[in-house]
Amino acid sequence: MAEKIRVTTSELKKVQEEWIDLFCQIETGFMEMNELMGRLDQLFMGKPVEAIKSRQSRIQEQSAFCLEQLKSHLQKLTQINQIYDQAEGENENVITNN
Protein backbone atom coordinates (compact mmCIF):
# COMPACT_ATOMS: atom_id res chain seq x y z
CA MET A 1 0.00 0.00 0.00
CA ALA A 2 1.49 3.33 -1.07
CA GLU A 3 1.60 6.14 1.44
CA LYS A 4 1.15 9.75 0.45
CA ILE A 5 3.58 12.45 1.50
CA ARG A 6 1.51 15.05 3.28
CA VAL A 7 4.12 17.80 3.56
CA THR A 8 6.60 18.78 0.90
CA THR A 9 10.01 20.24 1.63
CA SER A 10 8.94 23.49 -0.01
CA GLU A 11 5.99 23.74 2.38
CA LEU A 12 8.28 23.00 5.31
CA LYS A 13 10.69 25.67 4.16
CA LYS A 14 7.88 28.22 3.78
CA VAL A 15 6.61 27.59 7.32
CA GLN A 16 10.17 27.64 8.63
CA GLU A 17 10.80 31.04 7.03
CA GLU A 18 7.57 32.39 8.54
CA TRP A 19 8.61 31.18 12.00
CA ILE A 20 12.12 32.59 11.63
CA ASP A 21 10.58 35.94 10.67
CA LEU A 22 8.33 35.84 13.75
CA PHE A 23 11.30 34.86 15.90
CA CYS A 24 13.24 37.88 14.63
CA GLN A 25 10.27 40.14 15.34
CA ILE A 26 10.12 38.85 18.92
CA GLU A 27 13.85 39.41 19.41
CA THR A 28 13.52 42.93 18.02
CA GLY A 29 10.61 43.58 20.37
CA PHE A 30 12.70 42.57 23.37
CA MET A 31 15.56 44.79 22.26
CA GLU A 32 13.15 47.73 21.91
CA MET A 33 11.68 46.97 25.32
CA ASN A 34 15.15 46.97 26.89
CA GLU A 35 15.89 50.30 25.25
CA LEU A 36 12.63 51.77 26.60
CA MET A 37 13.37 50.41 30.06
CA GLY A 38 16.72 52.21 29.96
CA ARG A 39 14.96 55.46 29.13
CA LEU A 40 12.47 54.91 31.94
CA ASP A 41 15.29 55.47 34.44
CA GLN A 42 15.98 58.82 32.85
CA LEU A 43 12.39 60.00 33.25
CA PHE A 44 11.21 58.43 36.51
CA MET A 45 12.63 56.98 39.69
CA GLY A 46 11.48 55.18 42.77
CA LYS A 47 9.69 51.99 43.72
CA PRO A 48 7.24 51.94 40.78
CA VAL A 49 10.12 52.00 38.31
CA GLU A 50 11.94 49.26 40.21
CA ALA A 51 8.76 47.15 40.23
CA ILE A 52 8.32 47.59 36.49
CA LYS A 53 11.96 46.75 35.83
CA SER A 54 11.77 43.69 38.07
CA ARG A 55 8.67 42.40 36.27
CA GLN A 56 10.22 43.09 32.87
CA SER A 57 13.34 41.21 33.92
CA ARG A 58 11.31 38.15 34.98
CA ILE A 59 9.33 38.22 31.74
CA GLN A 60 12.52 38.43 29.72
CA GLU A 61 14.15 35.55 31.62
CA GLN A 62 11.12 33.32 31.10
CA SER A 63 10.85 34.32 27.47
CA ALA A 64 14.55 33.75 26.84
CA PHE A 65 14.13 30.08 27.78
CA CYS A 66 11.14 29.69 25.46
CA LEU A 67 12.91 31.52 22.64
CA GLU A 68 15.95 29.25 22.96
CA GLN A 69 13.69 26.21 22.68
CA LEU A 70 12.00 27.71 19.64
CA LYS A 71 15.38 28.47 18.08
CA SER A 72 16.46 24.88 18.70
CA HIS A 73 13.29 23.55 17.04
CA LEU A 74 13.80 25.84 14.04
CA GLN A 75 17.36 24.54 13.67
CA LYS A 76 16.07 20.96 13.83
CA LEU A 77 13.47 21.82 11.21
CA THR A 78 16.28 23.06 8.97
CA GLN A 79 18.12 19.76 9.44
CA ILE A 80 15.00 17.71 8.76
CA ASN A 81 14.29 19.73 5.64
CA GLN A 82 17.85 19.16 4.39
CA ILE A 83 17.57 15.42 5.01
CA TYR A 84 14.28 15.25 3.11
CA ASP A 85 15.70 17.34 0.25
CA GLN A 86 18.68 15.00 0.02
CA ALA A 87 16.49 11.89 0.10
CA GLU A 88 14.17 13.38 -2.49
CA GLY A 89 17.13 14.13 -4.75
CA GLU A 90 18.45 10.59 -4.35
CA ASN A 91 15.02 9.17 -5.16
CA GLU A 92 14.85 11.31 -8.30
CA ASN A 93 18.29 10.03 -9.34
CA VAL A 94 17.16 6.41 -8.87
CA ILE A 95 14.04 7.05 -10.92
CA THR A 96 15.86 8.79 -13.79
CA ASN A 97 18.63 6.19 -13.88
CA ASN A 98 16.16 3.28 -14.21
C-alpha atoms as a PDB file:
ATOM      1  CA  MET A   1       0.000   0.000   0.000  1.00  0.00           C
ATOM      2  CA  ALA A   2       1.492   3.332  -1.066  1.00  0.00           C
ATOM      3  CA  GLU A   3       1.603   6.143   1.441  1.00  0.00           C
ATOM      4  CA  LYS A   4       1.154   9.754   0.455  1.00  0.00           C
ATOM      5  CA  ILE A   5       3.585  12.445   1.497  1.00  0.00           C
ATOM      6  CA  ARG A   6       1.509  15.054   3.276  1.00  0.00           C
ATOM      7  CA  VAL A   7       4.120  17.796   3.558  1.00  0.00           C
ATOM      8  CA  THR A   8       6.604  18.778   0.897  1.00  0.00           C
ATOM      9  CA  THR A   9      10.012  20.242   1.626  1.00  0.00           C
ATOM     10  CA  SER A  10       8.945  23.493  -0.013  1.00  0.00           C
ATOM     11  CA  GLU A  11       5.991  23.736   2.384  1.00  0.00           C
ATOM     12  CA  LEU A  12       8.282  22.998   5.313  1.00  0.00           C
ATOM     13  CA  LYS A  13      10.693  25.668   4.157  1.00  0.00           C
ATOM     14  CA  LYS A  14       7.879  28.219   3.781  1.00  0.00           C
ATOM     15  CA  VAL A  15       6.615  27.586   7.321  1.00  0.00           C
ATOM     16  CA  GLN A  16      10.168  27.642   8.632  1.00  0.00           C
ATOM     17  CA  GLU A  17      10.805  31.040   7.028  1.00  0.00           C
ATOM     18  CA  GLU A  18       7.575  32.395   8.543  1.00  0.00           C
ATOM     19  CA  TRP A  19       8.610  31.175  11.997  1.00  0.00           C
ATOM     20  CA  ILE A  20      12.120  32.587  11.632  1.00  0.00           C
ATOM     21  CA  ASP A  21      10.583  35.938  10.672  1.00  0.00           C
ATOM     22  CA  LEU A  22       8.330  35.841  13.751  1.00  0.00           C
ATOM     23  CA  PHE A  23      11.298  34.860  15.903  1.00  0.00           C
ATOM     24  CA  CYS A  24      13.245  37.877  14.630  1.00  0.00           C
ATOM     25  CA  GLN A  25      10.272  40.139  15.345  1.00  0.00           C
ATOM     26  CA  ILE A  26      10.120  38.848  18.919  1.00  0.00           C
ATOM     27  CA  GLU A  27      13.847  39.407  19.414  1.00  0.00           C
ATOM     28  CA  THR A  28      13.516  42.928  18.015  1.00  0.00           C
ATOM     29  CA  GLY A  29      10.605  43.580  20.369  1.00  0.00           C
ATOM     30  CA  PHE A  30      12.698  42.566  23.368  1.00  0.00           C
ATOM     31  CA  MET A  31      15.565  44.794  22.258  1.00  0.00           C
ATOM     32  CA  GLU A  32      13.155  47.728  21.906  1.00  0.00           C
ATOM     33  CA  MET A  33      11.677  46.968  25.319  1.00  0.00           C
ATOM     34  CA  ASN A  34      15.147  46.974  26.893  1.00  0.00           C
ATOM     35  CA  GLU A  35      15.885  50.300  25.251  1.00  0.00           C
ATOM     36  CA  LEU A  36      12.633  51.773  26.600  1.00  0.00           C
ATOM     37  CA  MET A  37      13.365  50.412  30.064  1.00  0.00           C
ATOM     38  CA  GLY A  38      16.721  52.211  29.962  1.00  0.00           C
ATOM     39  CA  ARG A  39      14.958  55.463  29.128  1.00  0.00           C
ATOM     40  CA  LEU A  40      12.472  54.914  31.943  1.00  0.00           C
ATOM     41  CA  ASP A  41      15.287  55.466  34.442  1.00  0.00           C
ATOM     42  CA  GLN A  42      15.982  58.824  32.855  1.00  0.00           C
ATOM     43  CA  LEU A  43      12.390  60.001  33.246  1.00  0.00           C
ATOM     44  CA  PHE A  44      11.212  58.434  36.507  1.00  0.00           C
ATOM     45  CA  MET A  45      12.629  56.979  39.688  1.00  0.00           C
ATOM     46  CA  GLY A  46      11.481  55.182  42.771  1.00  0.00           C
ATOM     47  CA  LYS A  47       9.694  51.992  43.722  1.00  0.00           C
ATOM     48  CA  PRO A  48       7.243  51.936  40.784  1.00  0.00           C
ATOM     49  CA  VAL A  49      10.124  52.004  38.311  1.00  0.00           C
ATOM     50  CA  GLU A  50      11.943  49.259  40.206  1.00  0.00           C
ATOM     51  CA  ALA A  51       8.756  47.152  40.234  1.00  0.00           C
ATOM     52  CA  ILE A  52       8.321  47.589  36.495  1.00  0.00           C
ATOM     53  CA  LYS A  53      11.963  46.747  35.830  1.00  0.00           C
ATOM     54  CA  SER A  54      11.767  43.692  38.072  1.00  0.00           C
ATOM     55  CA  ARG A  55       8.675  42.399  36.269  1.00  0.00           C
ATOM     56  CA  GLN A  56      10.220  43.085  32.874  1.00  0.00           C
ATOM     57  CA  SER A  57      13.343  41.208  33.923  1.00  0.00           C
ATOM     58  CA  ARG A  58      11.307  38.151  34.983  1.00  0.00           C
ATOM     59  CA  ILE A  59       9.329  38.216  31.741  1.00  0.00           C
ATOM     60  CA  GLN A  60      12.517  38.428  29.723  1.00  0.00           C
ATOM     61  CA  GLU A  61      14.152  35.555  31.621  1.00  0.00           C
ATOM     62  CA  GLN A  62      11.123  33.317  31.099  1.00  0.00           C
ATOM     63  CA  SER A  63      10.847  34.322  27.467  1.00  0.00           C
ATOM     64  CA  ALA A  64      14.554  33.747  26.843  1.00  0.00           C
ATOM     65  CA  PHE A  65      14.131  30.080  27.784  1.00  0.00           C
ATOM     66  CA  CYS A  66      11.142  29.687  25.462  1.00  0.00           C
ATOM     67  CA  LEU A  67      12.914  31.520  22.636  1.00  0.00           C
ATOM     68  CA  GLU A  68      15.954  29.247  22.960  1.00  0.00           C
ATOM     69  CA  GLN A  69      13.689  26.215  22.682  1.00  0.00           C
ATOM     70  CA  LEU A  70      12.005  27.707  19.637  1.00  0.00           C
ATOM     71  CA  LYS A  71      15.375  28.475  18.082  1.00  0.00           C
ATOM     72  CA  SER A  72      16.457  24.885  18.698  1.00  0.00           C
ATOM     73  CA  HIS A  73      13.295  23.554  17.038  1.00  0.00           C
ATOM     74  CA  LEU A  74      13.801  25.837  14.040  1.00  0.00           C
ATOM     75  CA  GLN A  75      17.360  24.538  13.670  1.00  0.00           C
ATOM     76  CA  LYS A  76      16.066  20.960  13.833  1.00  0.00           C
ATOM     77  CA  LEU A  77      13.468  21.823  11.205  1.00  0.00           C
ATOM     78  CA  THR A  78      16.279  23.057   8.969  1.00  0.00           C
ATOM     79  CA  GLN A  79      18.123  19.764   9.435  1.00  0.00           C
ATOM     80  CA  ILE A  80      14.999  17.715   8.762  1.00  0.00           C
ATOM     81  CA  ASN A  81      14.289  19.726   5.639  1.00  0.00           C
ATOM     82  CA  GLN A  82      17.854  19.163   4.392  1.00  0.00           C
ATOM     83  CA  ILE A  83      17.568  15.418   5.009  1.00  0.00           C
ATOM     84  CA  TYR A  84      14.280  15.246   3.105  1.00  0.00           C
ATOM     85  CA  ASP A  85      15.702  17.338   0.249  1.00  0.00           C
ATOM     86  CA  GLN A  86      18.684  15.005   0.020  1.00  0.00           C
ATOM     87  CA  ALA A  87      16.494  11.886   0.104  1.00  0.00           C
ATOM     88  CA  GLU A  88      14.166  13.382  -2.491  1.00  0.00           C
ATOM     89  CA  GLY A  89      17.127  14.133  -4.746  1.00  0.00           C
ATOM     90  CA  GLU A  90      18.455  10.594  -4.351  1.00  0.00           C
ATOM     91  CA  ASN A  91      15.023   9.172  -5.163  1.00  0.00           C
ATOM     92  CA  GLU A  92      14.854  11.309  -8.302  1.00  0.00           C
ATOM     93  CA  ASN A  93      18.293  10.030  -9.338  1.00  0.00           C
ATOM     94  CA  VAL A  94      17.161   6.414  -8.866  1.00  0.00           C
ATOM     95  CA  ILE A  95      14.038   7.050 -10.924  1.00  0.00           C
ATOM     96  CA  THR A  96      15.858   8.793 -13.792  1.00  0.00           C
ATOM     97  CA  ASN A  97      18.626   6.186 -13.878  1.00  0.00           C
ATOM     98  CA  ASN A  98      16.163   3.279 -14.211  1.00  0.00           C
END
